Structure formats: structure tokens, C-alpha cells
């Protein structure tokens, strides 16, 4: 199934092949819900879970998210293998597949960084409130015109 979110990877190049689309749909199915679940979890929510249900609940949530990241990693690794085009002349990724994989790898690494930041803040009991906190807030990019680090 092709959709608009894939179209920008095909800009000014050959469209995805049927086998590439099959691999992408398998990848998407494998990670369904994982990126949002990880990116929406905060240290405050971890603390609320620990307060309401005990430390074991917060540990369980962290473990579940760690398992989800591993599922995502394995799905991305499988997509890397399945999107590779092998012919007698060469072994390579199509331009569209390369763009898709690059974007997905960036999303995975950003989510992993978010998970590690959230886990650190929660386990160390740190405060990320700007100017008054005792731990830096989550950032993932540099905005030179505004002279600041920010979260995309």
C-alpha cells in the first residue's frame, strides 16, 4: 500500500517497487504504535506511575519501552535487508528506499535518545525545568539563528 507519507521519498527519482512497498508495510506493521508510545512518555509520567502503582509499575513501563525499542531496532534491521536490491551488476538501495531508511533510522535514534533521557531523568530524580532545573531538558537539534539547542 502506497500513501502520501512515502511520496516525498520518491521525489525526483524512481517510485518504490512492489517488493519495496511490501517490505515497508511489513516494517510499519512491526513498529505500529511504538514510536508514539516512546516519544509521548515523560519522566513525570514515570513518577506518577511509581507513585500511583509502586516502583514495580514504573520499572515495568521502562522494561516495556526497552523491549519496544528492541522490536523497532530489529524491524529496522530487517527492513535494511529487505529493501536492498541485488542484481548481477550491483547490490544497492534505490534512492527512494535509501531516503526512507535514512528517515526511519533518524526517527529510531531520536526515540532512543528520548527514552534514555526520560529514563535518566526519572531514575535520578532530576528536574528539567528551563533555568531552574538541575538537568538539561531533552534536545535533539541546534538552531543557530536563535542561538539555542531545541527539540525539533
N, C-alpha and C. Protein backbone atom coordinates (compact mmCIF):
# COMPACT_ATOMS: atom_id res chain seq x y z
N UNK A 1 0.84 -1.19 0.00
CA UNK A 1 0.00 0.00 0.00
C UNK A 1 0.88 1.25 0.00
N UNK A 2 0.66 2.10 -0.95
CA UNK A 2 1.41 3.34 -1.07
C UNK A 2 0.58 4.47 -0.47
N UNK A 3 1.23 5.41 0.20
CA UNK A 3 0.50 6.54 0.76
C UNK A 3 1.31 7.82 0.60
N UNK A 4 0.71 8.93 0.97
CA UNK A 4 1.36 10.23 0.79
C UNK A 4 2.65 10.37 1.59
N UNK A 5 2.74 9.68 2.73
CA UNK A 5 3.96 9.82 3.53
C UNK A 5 5.17 9.19 2.83
N UNK A 6 4.93 8.33 1.87
CA UNK A 6 6.03 7.73 1.13
C UNK A 6 6.41 8.55 -0.10
N UNK A 7 5.49 9.37 -0.58
CA UNK A 7 5.70 10.11 -1.82
C UNK A 7 6.93 11.01 -1.79
N UNK A 8 7.19 11.65 -0.66
CA UNK A 8 8.34 12.57 -0.63
C UNK A 8 9.67 11.83 -0.76
N UNK A 9 9.71 10.53 -0.46
CA UNK A 9 10.94 9.76 -0.65
C UNK A 9 11.17 9.47 -2.14
N UNK A 10 10.11 9.57 -2.92
CA UNK A 10 10.18 9.28 -4.35
C UNK A 10 10.40 10.53 -5.21
N UNK A 11 10.49 11.69 -4.58
CA UNK A 11 10.64 12.93 -5.32
C UNK A 11 11.86 12.88 -6.23
N UNK A 12 11.64 13.15 -7.48
CA UNK A 12 12.70 13.26 -8.48
C UNK A 12 13.52 11.97 -8.64
N UNK A 13 12.85 10.83 -8.43
CA UNK A 13 13.52 9.54 -8.62
C UNK A 13 12.48 8.48 -8.95
N UNK A 14 12.92 7.27 -9.16
CA UNK A 14 12.01 6.16 -9.45
C UNK A 14 11.12 5.86 -8.24
N UNK A 15 9.86 5.50 -8.47
CA UNK A 15 8.99 5.16 -7.34
C UNK A 15 9.40 3.82 -6.71
N UNK A 16 8.89 3.57 -5.51
CA UNK A 16 9.15 2.30 -4.86
C UNK A 16 8.64 1.15 -5.73
N UNK A 17 9.35 0.04 -5.69
CA UNK A 17 8.89 -1.15 -6.40
C UNK A 17 7.87 -1.87 -5.52
N UNK A 18 7.18 -2.84 -6.10
CA UNK A 18 6.20 -3.61 -5.33
C UNK A 18 6.87 -4.33 -4.16
N UNK A 19 8.06 -4.88 -4.37
CA UNK A 19 8.73 -5.58 -3.27
C UNK A 19 9.19 -4.61 -2.18
N UNK A 20 9.61 -3.40 -2.58
CA UNK A 20 9.97 -2.39 -1.58
C UNK A 20 8.76 -1.99 -0.75
N UNK A 21 7.62 -1.80 -1.41
CA UNK A 21 6.40 -1.44 -0.69
C UNK A 21 5.97 -2.54 0.27
N UNK A 22 6.14 -3.79 -0.14
CA UNK A 22 5.81 -4.91 0.74
C UNK A 22 6.71 -4.89 1.98
N UNK A 23 8.00 -4.64 1.78
CA UNK A 23 8.94 -4.58 2.90
C UNK A 23 8.61 -3.41 3.83
N UNK A 24 8.24 -2.27 3.26
CA UNK A 24 7.90 -1.10 4.06
C UNK A 24 6.63 -1.35 4.87
N UNK A 25 5.66 -1.98 4.27
CA UNK A 25 4.42 -2.28 5.01
C UNK A 25 4.69 -3.26 6.14
N UNK A 26 5.56 -4.23 5.92
CA UNK A 26 5.94 -5.16 6.98
C UNK A 26 6.64 -4.45 8.12
N UNK A 27 7.51 -3.53 7.77
CA UNK A 27 8.22 -2.74 8.78
C UNK A 27 7.23 -1.89 9.58
N UNK A 28 6.34 -1.21 8.88
CA UNK A 28 5.36 -0.37 9.57
C UNK A 28 4.47 -1.18 10.50
N UNK A 29 4.08 -2.36 10.07
CA UNK A 29 3.25 -3.21 10.91
C UNK A 29 4.01 -3.62 12.17
N UNK A 30 5.29 -3.94 12.01
CA UNK A 30 6.10 -4.38 13.14
C UNK A 30 6.29 -3.30 14.20
N UNK A 31 6.33 -2.04 13.78
CA UNK A 31 6.59 -0.96 14.74
C UNK A 31 5.33 -0.17 15.09
N UNK A 32 4.19 -0.61 14.64
CA UNK A 32 2.95 0.12 14.86
C UNK A 32 2.76 0.50 16.34
N UNK A 33 2.60 1.79 16.59
CA UNK A 33 2.37 2.30 17.94
C UNK A 33 3.62 2.53 18.77
N UNK A 34 4.73 1.94 18.39
CA UNK A 34 5.94 2.05 19.19
C UNK A 34 6.50 3.47 19.22
N UNK A 35 6.70 4.12 18.07
CA UNK A 35 7.27 5.47 18.13
C UNK A 35 6.46 6.44 19.00
N UNK A 36 5.16 6.43 18.84
CA UNK A 36 4.32 7.34 19.63
C UNK A 36 4.39 7.02 21.12
N UNK A 37 4.34 5.74 21.46
CA UNK A 37 4.37 5.35 22.88
C UNK A 37 5.66 5.82 23.54
N UNK A 38 6.76 5.69 22.85
CA UNK A 38 8.04 6.08 23.43
C UNK A 38 8.17 7.60 23.50
N UNK A 39 7.83 8.28 22.43
CA UNK A 39 8.00 9.73 22.40
C UNK A 39 7.03 10.48 23.30
N UNK A 40 5.92 9.86 23.65
CA UNK A 40 4.94 10.54 24.50
C UNK A 40 5.15 10.29 25.99
N UNK A 41 6.04 9.40 26.35
CA UNK A 41 6.29 9.09 27.76
C UNK A 41 7.29 10.09 28.33
N UNK A 42 6.95 10.65 29.49
CA UNK A 42 7.83 11.62 30.15
C UNK A 42 8.27 11.09 31.51
N UNK A 43 9.28 11.71 32.05
CA UNK A 43 9.74 11.35 33.39
C UNK A 43 8.64 11.60 34.42
N UNK A 44 7.85 12.65 34.20
CA UNK A 44 6.75 12.95 35.13
C UNK A 44 5.73 11.81 35.13
N UNK A 45 5.46 11.25 33.96
CA UNK A 45 4.52 10.11 33.88
C UNK A 45 5.12 8.88 34.56
N UNK A 46 6.42 8.71 34.44
CA UNK A 46 7.08 7.60 35.12
C UNK A 46 6.92 7.78 36.64
N UNK A 47 7.13 8.99 37.11
CA UNK A 47 6.97 9.28 38.53
C UNK A 47 5.54 9.07 38.99
N UNK A 48 4.58 9.48 38.17
CA UNK A 48 3.17 9.29 38.52
C UNK A 48 2.82 7.80 38.61
N UNK A 49 3.36 7.00 37.70
CA UNK A 49 3.13 5.56 37.74
C UNK A 49 3.73 4.95 39.00
N UNK A 50 4.93 5.41 39.36
CA UNK A 50 5.57 4.89 40.57
C UNK A 50 4.79 5.28 41.82
N UNK A 51 4.27 6.52 41.84
CA UNK A 51 3.50 6.98 42.99
C UNK A 51 2.17 6.24 43.10
N UNK A 52 1.49 6.12 41.98
CA UNK A 52 0.16 5.51 42.00
C UNK A 52 0.19 3.99 42.16
N UNK A 53 1.16 3.34 41.52
CA UNK A 53 1.14 1.88 41.46
C UNK A 53 2.39 1.21 42.05
N UNK A 54 3.34 2.03 42.49
CA UNK A 54 4.55 1.48 43.08
C UNK A 54 5.71 1.45 42.09
N UNK A 55 6.92 1.35 42.63
CA UNK A 55 8.12 1.34 41.79
C UNK A 55 8.12 0.22 40.74
N UNK A 56 7.50 -0.90 41.06
CA UNK A 56 7.48 -2.01 40.11
C UNK A 56 6.73 -1.63 38.83
N UNK A 57 5.70 -0.80 38.94
CA UNK A 57 4.95 -0.37 37.76
C UNK A 57 5.82 0.51 36.86
N UNK A 58 6.58 1.40 37.47
CA UNK A 58 7.47 2.26 36.68
C UNK A 58 8.56 1.42 36.02
N UNK A 59 9.11 0.46 36.77
CA UNK A 59 10.13 -0.42 36.20
C UNK A 59 9.54 -1.22 35.05
N UNK A 60 8.31 -1.68 35.19
CA UNK A 60 7.65 -2.44 34.14
C UNK A 60 7.46 -1.59 32.89
N UNK A 61 7.09 -0.32 33.08
CA UNK A 61 6.92 0.59 31.94
C UNK A 61 8.25 0.81 31.23
N UNK A 62 9.31 1.01 32.00
CA UNK A 62 10.64 1.17 31.40
C UNK A 62 11.05 -0.09 30.64
N UNK A 63 10.81 -1.23 31.22
CA UNK A 63 11.14 -2.50 30.57
C UNK A 63 10.35 -2.68 29.29
N UNK A 64 9.06 -2.36 29.34
CA UNK A 64 8.22 -2.46 28.14
C UNK A 64 8.73 -1.55 27.03
N UNK A 65 9.12 -0.34 27.40
CA UNK A 65 9.64 0.59 26.40
C UNK A 65 10.98 0.12 25.84
N UNK A 66 11.82 -0.44 26.71
CA UNK A 66 13.09 -1.00 26.25
C UNK A 66 12.85 -2.16 25.28
N UNK A 67 11.88 -3.02 25.59
CA UNK A 67 11.53 -4.12 24.69
C UNK A 67 11.00 -3.58 23.37
N UNK A 68 10.19 -2.53 23.43
CA UNK A 68 9.63 -1.93 22.22
C UNK A 68 10.74 -1.35 21.34
N UNK A 69 11.73 -0.70 21.97
CA UNK A 69 12.86 -0.18 21.20
C UNK A 69 13.62 -1.32 20.52
N UNK A 70 13.75 -2.43 21.21
CA UNK A 70 14.42 -3.57 20.61
C UNK A 70 13.62 -4.11 19.42
N UNK A 71 12.30 -4.16 19.55
CA UNK A 71 11.44 -4.58 18.44
C UNK A 71 11.63 -3.64 17.26
N UNK A 72 11.68 -2.34 17.53
CA UNK A 72 11.87 -1.35 16.47
C UNK A 72 13.23 -1.55 15.80
N UNK A 73 14.28 -1.73 16.61
CA UNK A 73 15.61 -1.95 16.06
C UNK A 73 15.63 -3.18 15.14
N UNK A 74 15.03 -4.27 15.59
CA UNK A 74 15.01 -5.50 14.78
C UNK A 74 14.21 -5.31 13.50
N UNK A 75 13.10 -4.57 13.57
CA UNK A 75 12.30 -4.30 12.38
C UNK A 75 13.08 -3.43 11.39
N UNK A 76 13.80 -2.44 11.89
CA UNK A 76 14.62 -1.59 11.03
C UNK A 76 15.75 -2.40 10.40
N UNK A 77 16.36 -3.27 11.19
CA UNK A 77 17.41 -4.13 10.67
C UNK A 77 16.88 -5.05 9.57
N UNK A 78 15.67 -5.58 9.76
CA UNK A 78 15.05 -6.42 8.74
C UNK A 78 14.73 -5.61 7.48
N UNK A 79 14.24 -4.38 7.67
CA UNK A 79 13.95 -3.51 6.52
C UNK A 79 15.23 -3.21 5.74
N UNK A 80 16.34 -3.02 6.45
CA UNK A 80 17.63 -2.80 5.77
C UNK A 80 17.96 -3.97 4.84
N UNK A 81 17.67 -5.17 5.29
CA UNK A 81 17.95 -6.35 4.47
C UNK A 81 16.94 -6.48 3.33
N UNK A 82 15.67 -6.25 3.63
CA UNK A 82 14.62 -6.48 2.64
C UNK A 82 14.56 -5.41 1.56
N UNK A 83 15.03 -4.22 1.85
CA UNK A 83 14.99 -3.14 0.86
C UNK A 83 16.24 -3.08 -0.02
N UNK A 84 17.18 -3.92 0.27
CA UNK A 84 18.40 -3.98 -0.54
C UNK A 84 18.08 -4.64 -1.88
N UNK A 85 18.48 -4.01 -2.96
CA UNK A 85 18.26 -4.54 -4.30
C UNK A 85 19.54 -5.22 -4.77
N UNK A 86 19.44 -6.50 -5.06
CA UNK A 86 20.60 -7.27 -5.52
C UNK A 86 20.39 -7.68 -6.97
N UNK A 87 21.31 -7.29 -7.81
CA UNK A 87 21.30 -7.71 -9.21
C UNK A 87 22.68 -8.24 -9.56
N UNK A 88 22.83 -8.75 -10.76
CA UNK A 88 24.14 -9.24 -11.16
C UNK A 88 25.14 -8.10 -11.30
N UNK A 89 24.64 -6.88 -11.51
CA UNK A 89 25.52 -5.72 -11.67
C UNK A 89 25.89 -5.06 -10.35
N UNK A 90 24.97 -5.05 -9.40
CA UNK A 90 25.25 -4.33 -8.16
C UNK A 90 24.32 -4.76 -7.03
N UNK A 91 24.71 -4.36 -5.84
CA UNK A 91 23.88 -4.53 -4.65
C UNK A 91 23.77 -3.14 -4.04
N UNK A 92 22.55 -2.60 -4.00
CA UNK A 92 22.38 -1.23 -3.50
C UNK A 92 20.93 -1.00 -3.10
N UNK A 93 20.70 0.16 -2.49
CA UNK A 93 19.35 0.62 -2.18
C UNK A 93 18.91 1.57 -3.28
N UNK A 94 17.65 1.51 -3.66
CA UNK A 94 17.14 2.51 -4.58
C UNK A 94 17.19 3.86 -3.87
N UNK A 95 17.13 4.94 -4.61
CA UNK A 95 17.16 6.27 -4.00
C UNK A 95 16.00 6.43 -3.01
N UNK A 96 14.81 6.03 -3.43
CA UNK A 96 13.63 6.16 -2.55
C UNK A 96 13.80 5.31 -1.29
N UNK A 97 14.28 4.07 -1.44
CA UNK A 97 14.48 3.20 -0.27
C UNK A 97 15.55 3.78 0.65
N UNK A 98 16.61 4.32 0.07
CA UNK A 98 17.65 4.95 0.89
C UNK A 98 17.13 6.13 1.69
N UNK A 99 16.30 6.94 1.06
CA UNK A 99 15.70 8.08 1.77
C UNK A 99 14.79 7.60 2.89
N UNK A 100 13.97 6.58 2.59
CA UNK A 100 13.05 6.04 3.60
C UNK A 100 13.84 5.50 4.80
N UNK A 101 14.86 4.70 4.53
CA UNK A 101 15.64 4.11 5.61
C UNK A 101 16.38 5.17 6.42
N UNK A 102 16.89 6.19 5.76
CA UNK A 102 17.58 7.27 6.46
C UNK A 102 16.62 7.99 7.42
N UNK A 103 15.41 8.26 6.94
CA UNK A 103 14.42 8.95 7.79
C UNK A 103 13.99 8.05 8.96
N UNK A 104 13.80 6.78 8.69
CA UNK A 104 13.38 5.86 9.76
C UNK A 104 14.48 5.65 10.79
N UNK A 105 15.73 5.58 10.33
CA UNK A 105 16.84 5.45 11.27
C UNK A 105 16.95 6.69 12.15
N UNK A 106 16.75 7.86 11.56
CA UNK A 106 16.79 9.10 12.35
C UNK A 106 15.67 9.12 13.39
N UNK A 107 14.48 8.67 13.01
CA UNK A 107 13.35 8.61 13.95
C UNK A 107 13.64 7.62 15.07
N UNK A 108 14.21 6.48 14.72
CA UNK A 108 14.56 5.48 15.74
C UNK A 108 15.59 6.05 16.73
N UNK A 109 16.63 6.67 16.21
CA UNK A 109 17.67 7.20 17.09
C UNK A 109 17.15 8.34 17.97
N UNK A 110 16.27 9.15 17.43
CA UNK A 110 15.67 10.23 18.22
C UNK A 110 14.81 9.65 19.34
N UNK A 111 14.03 8.62 19.04
CA UNK A 111 13.19 7.98 20.06
C UNK A 111 14.05 7.31 21.12
N UNK A 112 15.12 6.67 20.68
CA UNK A 112 16.01 6.03 21.64
C UNK A 112 16.65 7.07 22.55
N UNK A 113 17.07 8.20 21.99
CA UNK A 113 17.64 9.27 22.80
C UNK A 113 16.60 9.80 23.78
N UNK A 114 15.36 9.94 23.33
CA UNK A 114 14.29 10.40 24.21
C UNK A 114 14.07 9.41 25.36
N UNK A 115 14.03 8.12 25.04
CA UNK A 115 13.84 7.09 26.07
C UNK A 115 14.98 7.14 27.09
N UNK A 116 16.21 7.25 26.61
CA UNK A 116 17.35 7.29 27.53
C UNK A 116 17.32 8.55 28.39
N UNK A 117 16.92 9.66 27.81
CA UNK A 117 16.81 10.90 28.59
C UNK A 117 15.71 10.77 29.65
N UNK A 118 14.56 10.28 29.24
CA UNK A 118 13.43 10.10 30.17
C UNK A 118 13.82 9.16 31.31
N UNK A 119 14.47 8.07 30.98
CA UNK A 119 14.90 7.09 31.98
C UNK A 119 15.88 7.72 32.95
N UNK A 120 16.85 8.46 32.44
CA UNK A 120 17.85 9.12 33.29
C UNK A 120 17.19 10.12 34.23
N UNK A 121 16.34 10.97 33.68
CA UNK A 121 15.67 11.99 34.50
C UNK A 121 14.84 11.34 35.59
N UNK A 122 14.09 10.29 35.23
CA UNK A 122 13.24 9.61 36.21
C UNK A 122 14.07 8.91 37.29
N UNK A 123 15.04 8.11 36.88
CA UNK A 123 15.80 7.32 37.85
C UNK A 123 16.67 8.17 38.77
N UNK A 124 17.15 9.31 38.26
CA UNK A 124 17.98 10.19 39.08
C UNK A 124 17.17 11.26 39.81
N UNK A 125 15.85 11.30 39.52
CA UNK A 125 15.01 12.30 40.17
C UNK A 125 15.39 13.72 39.82
N UNK A 126 15.71 13.97 38.56
CA UNK A 126 16.16 15.29 38.14
C UNK A 126 15.00 16.15 37.67
N UNK A 127 15.24 17.45 37.61
CA UNK A 127 14.26 18.44 37.16
C UNK A 127 14.79 19.08 35.88
N UNK A 128 13.99 19.06 34.82
CA UNK A 128 14.43 19.63 33.54
C UNK A 128 13.78 20.97 33.24
N UNK A 129 13.19 21.61 34.24
CA UNK A 129 12.57 22.91 34.04
C UNK A 129 13.64 23.92 33.60
N UNK A 130 13.42 24.61 32.46
CA UNK A 130 14.42 25.58 32.00
C UNK A 130 14.76 26.62 33.06
N UNK A 131 16.03 26.92 33.18
CA UNK A 131 16.61 27.94 34.06
C UNK A 131 16.66 27.54 35.53
N UNK A 132 15.75 26.72 36.02
CA UNK A 132 15.77 26.37 37.44
C UNK A 132 16.04 24.89 37.70
N UNK A 133 16.00 24.07 36.66
CA UNK A 133 16.20 22.63 36.82
C UNK A 133 17.65 22.26 37.07
N UNK A 134 17.85 21.00 37.45
CA UNK A 134 19.20 20.53 37.73
C UNK A 134 19.67 19.48 36.70
N UNK A 135 18.98 19.44 35.54
CA UNK A 135 19.37 18.53 34.46
C UNK A 135 18.88 19.13 33.14
N UNK A 136 19.67 19.03 32.08
CA UNK A 136 19.24 19.65 30.82
C UNK A 136 17.97 19.01 30.26
N UNK A 137 17.15 19.82 29.64
CA UNK A 137 15.94 19.29 29.00
C UNK A 137 16.34 18.52 27.75
N UNK A 138 15.42 17.74 27.22
CA UNK A 138 15.69 16.95 26.02
C UNK A 138 15.85 17.88 24.83
N UNK A 139 16.94 17.73 24.11
CA UNK A 139 17.17 18.48 22.88
C UNK A 139 17.67 17.52 21.83
N UNK A 140 17.40 17.85 20.58
CA UNK A 140 17.87 16.97 19.50
C UNK A 140 18.37 17.73 18.29
N UNK A 141 18.41 19.06 18.39
CA UNK A 141 18.90 19.82 17.24
C UNK A 141 19.45 21.17 17.69
N UNK A 142 20.18 21.79 16.77
CA UNK A 142 20.79 23.10 17.01
C UNK A 142 20.13 24.12 16.11
N UNK A 143 19.67 25.22 16.68
CA UNK A 143 19.08 26.31 15.92
C UNK A 143 20.05 27.48 16.00
N UNK A 144 20.91 27.60 14.99
CA UNK A 144 21.92 28.66 15.02
C UNK A 144 21.32 30.06 14.96
N UNK A 145 20.32 30.33 14.09
CA UNK A 145 19.77 31.69 14.09
C UNK A 145 19.21 32.12 15.44
N UNK A 146 18.61 31.19 16.18
CA UNK A 146 18.06 31.52 17.50
C UNK A 146 19.06 31.28 18.62
N UNK A 147 20.23 30.76 18.27
CA UNK A 147 21.32 30.51 19.21
C UNK A 147 20.89 29.62 20.37
N UNK A 148 20.27 28.47 20.01
CA UNK A 148 19.81 27.59 21.07
C UNK A 148 19.77 26.14 20.62
N UNK A 149 19.77 25.27 21.61
CA UNK A 149 19.50 23.86 21.40
C UNK A 149 18.00 23.67 21.59
N UNK A 150 17.41 22.84 20.76
CA UNK A 150 15.96 22.66 20.87
C UNK A 150 15.55 21.25 20.52
N UNK A 151 14.32 20.93 20.83
CA UNK A 151 13.72 19.67 20.44
C UNK A 151 12.93 19.96 19.17
N UNK A 152 13.25 19.23 18.13
CA UNK A 152 12.63 19.51 16.81
C UNK A 152 11.18 19.69 16.94
